[in-house]
Amino acid sequence: MAEERLEHDPTLAQPAEAIHMPDPSYLPFVLALGIMITLVGVLTGLLVVIIGLLIVIPTLVRWIRSARDEMSDLPLEHH
């Protein structure tokens, strides 16, 4: 017995608005790497902590800035 598959249910109403998905980003990975280096530095030495923080702080600032830019591109009713 063959199953009949529908792509969509024709009785359902169309969505009222499009769903916003953020663009792909490497920033979460870089931030996690920087946090890991910082935490390893807590165990090993101040120089490694500084290197980790030099990765974490600019990455976090860039990620927040890109999120704000994406939010400003959305219609006002999404804020």
N, C-alpha and C. Protein backbone atom coordinates (compact mmCIF):
# COMPACT_ATOMS: atom_id res chain seq x y z
N MET A 1 0.84 -1.17 0.00
CA MET A 1 0.00 0.00 0.00
C MET A 1 0.89 1.24 0.00
N ALA A 2 0.78 2.03 -1.01
CA ALA A 2 1.60 3.23 -1.16
C ALA A 2 1.00 4.36 -0.34
N GLU A 3 1.87 5.06 0.36
CA GLU A 3 1.42 6.21 1.15
C GLU A 3 1.41 7.46 0.28
N GLU A 4 0.37 8.22 0.41
CA GLU A 4 0.28 9.48 -0.32
C GLU A 4 0.80 10.59 0.58
N ARG A 5 1.83 11.30 0.13
CA ARG A 5 2.44 12.36 0.93
C ARG A 5 2.11 13.71 0.32
N LEU A 6 1.63 14.59 1.14
CA LEU A 6 1.35 15.96 0.71
C LEU A 6 2.50 16.85 1.13
N GLU A 7 2.84 17.78 0.28
CA GLU A 7 3.88 18.75 0.61
C GLU A 7 3.40 19.70 1.70
N HIS A 8 2.13 20.04 1.67
CA HIS A 8 1.54 20.91 2.68
C HIS A 8 0.05 20.61 2.74
N ASP A 9 -0.53 21.01 3.84
CA ASP A 9 -1.96 20.81 4.01
C ASP A 9 -2.69 22.00 3.39
N PRO A 10 -3.46 21.78 2.32
CA PRO A 10 -4.12 22.91 1.66
C PRO A 10 -5.20 23.58 2.52
N THR A 11 -5.63 22.93 3.58
CA THR A 11 -6.67 23.54 4.42
C THR A 11 -6.09 24.52 5.44
N LEU A 12 -4.77 24.51 5.64
CA LEU A 12 -4.16 25.43 6.59
C LEU A 12 -3.98 26.81 5.97
N ALA A 13 -4.12 27.82 6.80
CA ALA A 13 -3.93 29.19 6.33
C ALA A 13 -2.44 29.47 6.14
N GLN A 14 -2.15 30.39 5.27
CA GLN A 14 -0.76 30.79 5.05
C GLN A 14 -0.25 31.52 6.29
N PRO A 15 1.05 31.41 6.58
CA PRO A 15 1.57 32.14 7.75
C PRO A 15 1.41 33.64 7.58
N ALA A 16 1.17 34.31 8.69
CA ALA A 16 0.92 35.76 8.66
C ALA A 16 2.19 36.55 8.39
N GLU A 17 3.33 36.01 8.79
CA GLU A 17 4.59 36.73 8.61
C GLU A 17 5.72 35.73 8.41
N ALA A 18 6.80 36.22 7.87
CA ALA A 18 7.97 35.37 7.66
C ALA A 18 8.75 35.26 8.97
N ILE A 19 9.38 34.12 9.17
CA ILE A 19 10.19 33.90 10.36
C ILE A 19 11.61 34.37 10.06
N HIS A 20 12.13 35.20 10.95
CA HIS A 20 13.49 35.72 10.77
C HIS A 20 14.50 34.74 11.35
N MET A 21 15.44 34.33 10.55
CA MET A 21 16.54 33.47 11.00
C MET A 21 17.83 34.26 10.86
N PRO A 22 18.70 34.23 11.88
CA PRO A 22 19.96 34.97 11.78
C PRO A 22 20.88 34.34 10.73
N ASP A 23 21.77 35.15 10.22
CA ASP A 23 22.73 34.66 9.24
C ASP A 23 23.73 33.72 9.92
N PRO A 24 24.29 32.77 9.16
CA PRO A 24 25.33 31.91 9.74
C PRO A 24 26.52 32.75 10.19
N SER A 25 27.16 32.33 11.29
CA SER A 25 28.24 33.12 11.83
C SER A 25 29.30 32.21 12.46
N TYR A 26 30.53 32.63 12.37
CA TYR A 26 31.63 31.93 13.02
C TYR A 26 31.88 32.48 14.43
N LEU A 27 31.21 33.57 14.79
CA LEU A 27 31.46 34.24 16.06
C LEU A 27 31.19 33.39 17.29
N PRO A 28 30.14 32.55 17.34
CA PRO A 28 29.97 31.71 18.53
C PRO A 28 31.13 30.75 18.76
N PHE A 29 31.67 30.20 17.69
CA PHE A 29 32.80 29.29 17.81
C PHE A 29 34.03 30.04 18.32
N VAL A 30 34.31 31.20 17.76
CA VAL A 30 35.48 31.98 18.18
C VAL A 30 35.33 32.43 19.63
N LEU A 31 34.12 32.81 20.02
CA LEU A 31 33.89 33.21 21.41
C LEU A 31 34.11 32.03 22.36
N ALA A 32 33.60 30.87 21.99
CA ALA A 32 33.82 29.68 22.83
C ALA A 32 35.30 29.34 22.93
N LEU A 33 36.02 29.47 21.83
CA LEU A 33 37.46 29.21 21.84
C LEU A 33 38.17 30.21 22.76
N GLY A 34 37.81 31.47 22.68
CA GLY A 34 38.42 32.49 23.53
C GLY A 34 38.13 32.26 25.01
N ILE A 35 36.90 31.86 25.31
CA ILE A 35 36.54 31.57 26.71
C ILE A 35 37.34 30.37 27.20
N MET A 36 37.49 29.35 26.35
CA MET A 36 38.27 28.18 26.74
C MET A 36 39.73 28.55 27.02
N ILE A 37 40.31 29.37 26.16
CA ILE A 37 41.70 29.80 26.36
C ILE A 37 41.82 30.60 27.65
N THR A 38 40.84 31.46 27.91
CA THR A 38 40.85 32.26 29.15
C THR A 38 40.79 31.35 30.38
N LEU A 39 39.92 30.35 30.34
CA LEU A 39 39.80 29.45 31.49
C LEU A 39 41.04 28.58 31.68
N VAL A 40 41.66 28.18 30.57
CA VAL A 40 42.92 27.45 30.69
C VAL A 40 43.98 28.37 31.29
N GLY A 41 43.93 29.63 30.93
CA GLY A 41 44.87 30.60 31.48
C GLY A 41 44.72 30.79 32.97
N VAL A 42 43.50 30.63 33.48
CA VAL A 42 43.31 30.72 34.93
C VAL A 42 44.13 29.64 35.63
N LEU A 43 44.26 28.49 34.98
CA LEU A 43 45.02 27.39 35.57
C LEU A 43 46.51 27.50 35.30
N THR A 44 46.90 28.13 34.20
CA THR A 44 48.31 28.10 33.81
C THR A 44 49.05 29.41 34.05
N GLY A 45 48.47 30.53 33.71
CA GLY A 45 49.20 31.78 33.90
C GLY A 45 48.50 32.98 33.33
N LEU A 46 48.95 34.14 33.76
CA LEU A 46 48.32 35.40 33.40
C LEU A 46 48.43 35.69 31.90
N LEU A 47 49.53 35.32 31.26
CA LEU A 47 49.70 35.58 29.84
C LEU A 47 48.63 34.89 29.00
N VAL A 48 48.28 33.67 29.36
CA VAL A 48 47.25 32.94 28.62
C VAL A 48 45.88 33.56 28.87
N VAL A 49 45.63 34.04 30.08
CA VAL A 49 44.37 34.75 30.37
C VAL A 49 44.26 35.98 29.49
N ILE A 50 45.33 36.74 29.37
CA ILE A 50 45.32 37.96 28.56
C ILE A 50 45.07 37.62 27.09
N ILE A 51 45.71 36.57 26.59
CA ILE A 51 45.49 36.14 25.20
C ILE A 51 44.02 35.76 25.00
N GLY A 52 43.46 35.01 25.95
CA GLY A 52 42.06 34.62 25.86
C GLY A 52 41.13 35.82 25.86
N LEU A 53 41.42 36.78 26.75
CA LEU A 53 40.57 37.97 26.81
C LEU A 53 40.70 38.83 25.56
N LEU A 54 41.89 38.82 24.94
CA LEU A 54 42.06 39.55 23.68
C LEU A 54 41.26 38.92 22.55
N ILE A 55 40.86 37.69 22.71
CA ILE A 55 39.97 37.04 21.74
C ILE A 55 38.51 37.27 22.14
N VAL A 56 38.20 37.12 23.42
CA VAL A 56 36.81 37.18 23.90
C VAL A 56 36.20 38.56 23.71
N ILE A 57 36.88 39.59 24.14
CA ILE A 57 36.27 40.93 24.17
C ILE A 57 35.94 41.45 22.77
N PRO A 58 36.87 41.42 21.80
CA PRO A 58 36.48 41.91 20.46
C PRO A 58 35.42 41.03 19.78
N THR A 59 35.48 39.73 20.03
CA THR A 59 34.48 38.84 19.44
C THR A 59 33.10 39.13 20.00
N LEU A 60 33.02 39.33 21.30
CA LEU A 60 31.74 39.63 21.93
C LEU A 60 31.19 40.97 21.44
N VAL A 61 32.05 41.97 21.32
CA VAL A 61 31.62 43.28 20.81
C VAL A 61 31.12 43.15 19.38
N ARG A 62 31.84 42.41 18.56
CA ARG A 62 31.43 42.24 17.15
C ARG A 62 30.11 41.49 17.05
N TRP A 63 29.93 40.45 17.89
CA TRP A 63 28.70 39.67 17.86
C TRP A 63 27.50 40.53 18.29
N ILE A 64 27.67 41.30 19.33
CA ILE A 64 26.59 42.19 19.79
C ILE A 64 26.27 43.23 18.72
N ARG A 65 27.31 43.78 18.09
CA ARG A 65 27.09 44.78 17.05
C ARG A 65 26.34 44.17 15.86
N SER A 66 26.69 42.96 15.46
CA SER A 66 26.00 42.33 14.33
C SER A 66 24.56 41.99 14.70
N ALA A 67 24.31 41.60 15.95
CA ALA A 67 22.93 41.32 16.38
C ALA A 67 22.09 42.60 16.37
N ARG A 68 22.69 43.71 16.79
CA ARG A 68 21.97 44.98 16.76
C ARG A 68 21.67 45.41 15.32
N ASP A 69 22.62 45.19 14.42
CA ASP A 69 22.39 45.52 13.02
C ASP A 69 21.25 44.69 12.44
N GLU A 70 21.21 43.40 12.77
CA GLU A 70 20.13 42.55 12.29
C GLU A 70 18.79 42.99 12.87
N MET A 71 18.78 43.37 14.14
CA MET A 71 17.54 43.83 14.76
C MET A 71 17.04 45.12 14.11
N SER A 72 17.96 46.00 13.73
CA SER A 72 17.54 47.27 13.13
C SER A 72 16.98 47.05 11.72
N ASP A 73 17.31 45.93 11.08
CA ASP A 73 16.79 45.63 9.76
C ASP A 73 15.37 45.05 9.79
N LEU A 74 14.93 44.60 10.98
CA LEU A 74 13.60 44.01 11.10
C LEU A 74 12.53 45.11 11.12
N PRO A 75 11.31 44.75 10.75
CA PRO A 75 10.21 45.72 10.87
C PRO A 75 10.00 46.11 12.33
N LEU A 76 9.41 47.26 12.58
CA LEU A 76 9.25 47.77 13.94
C LEU A 76 8.40 46.87 14.82
N GLU A 77 7.43 46.17 14.28
CA GLU A 77 6.57 45.33 15.12
C GLU A 77 7.30 44.08 15.65
N HIS A 78 8.52 43.83 15.19
CA HIS A 78 9.30 42.69 15.68
C HIS A 78 10.18 43.07 16.86
N HIS A 79 10.32 44.33 17.18
CA HIS A 79 11.22 44.77 18.25
C HIS A 79 10.61 44.54 19.59
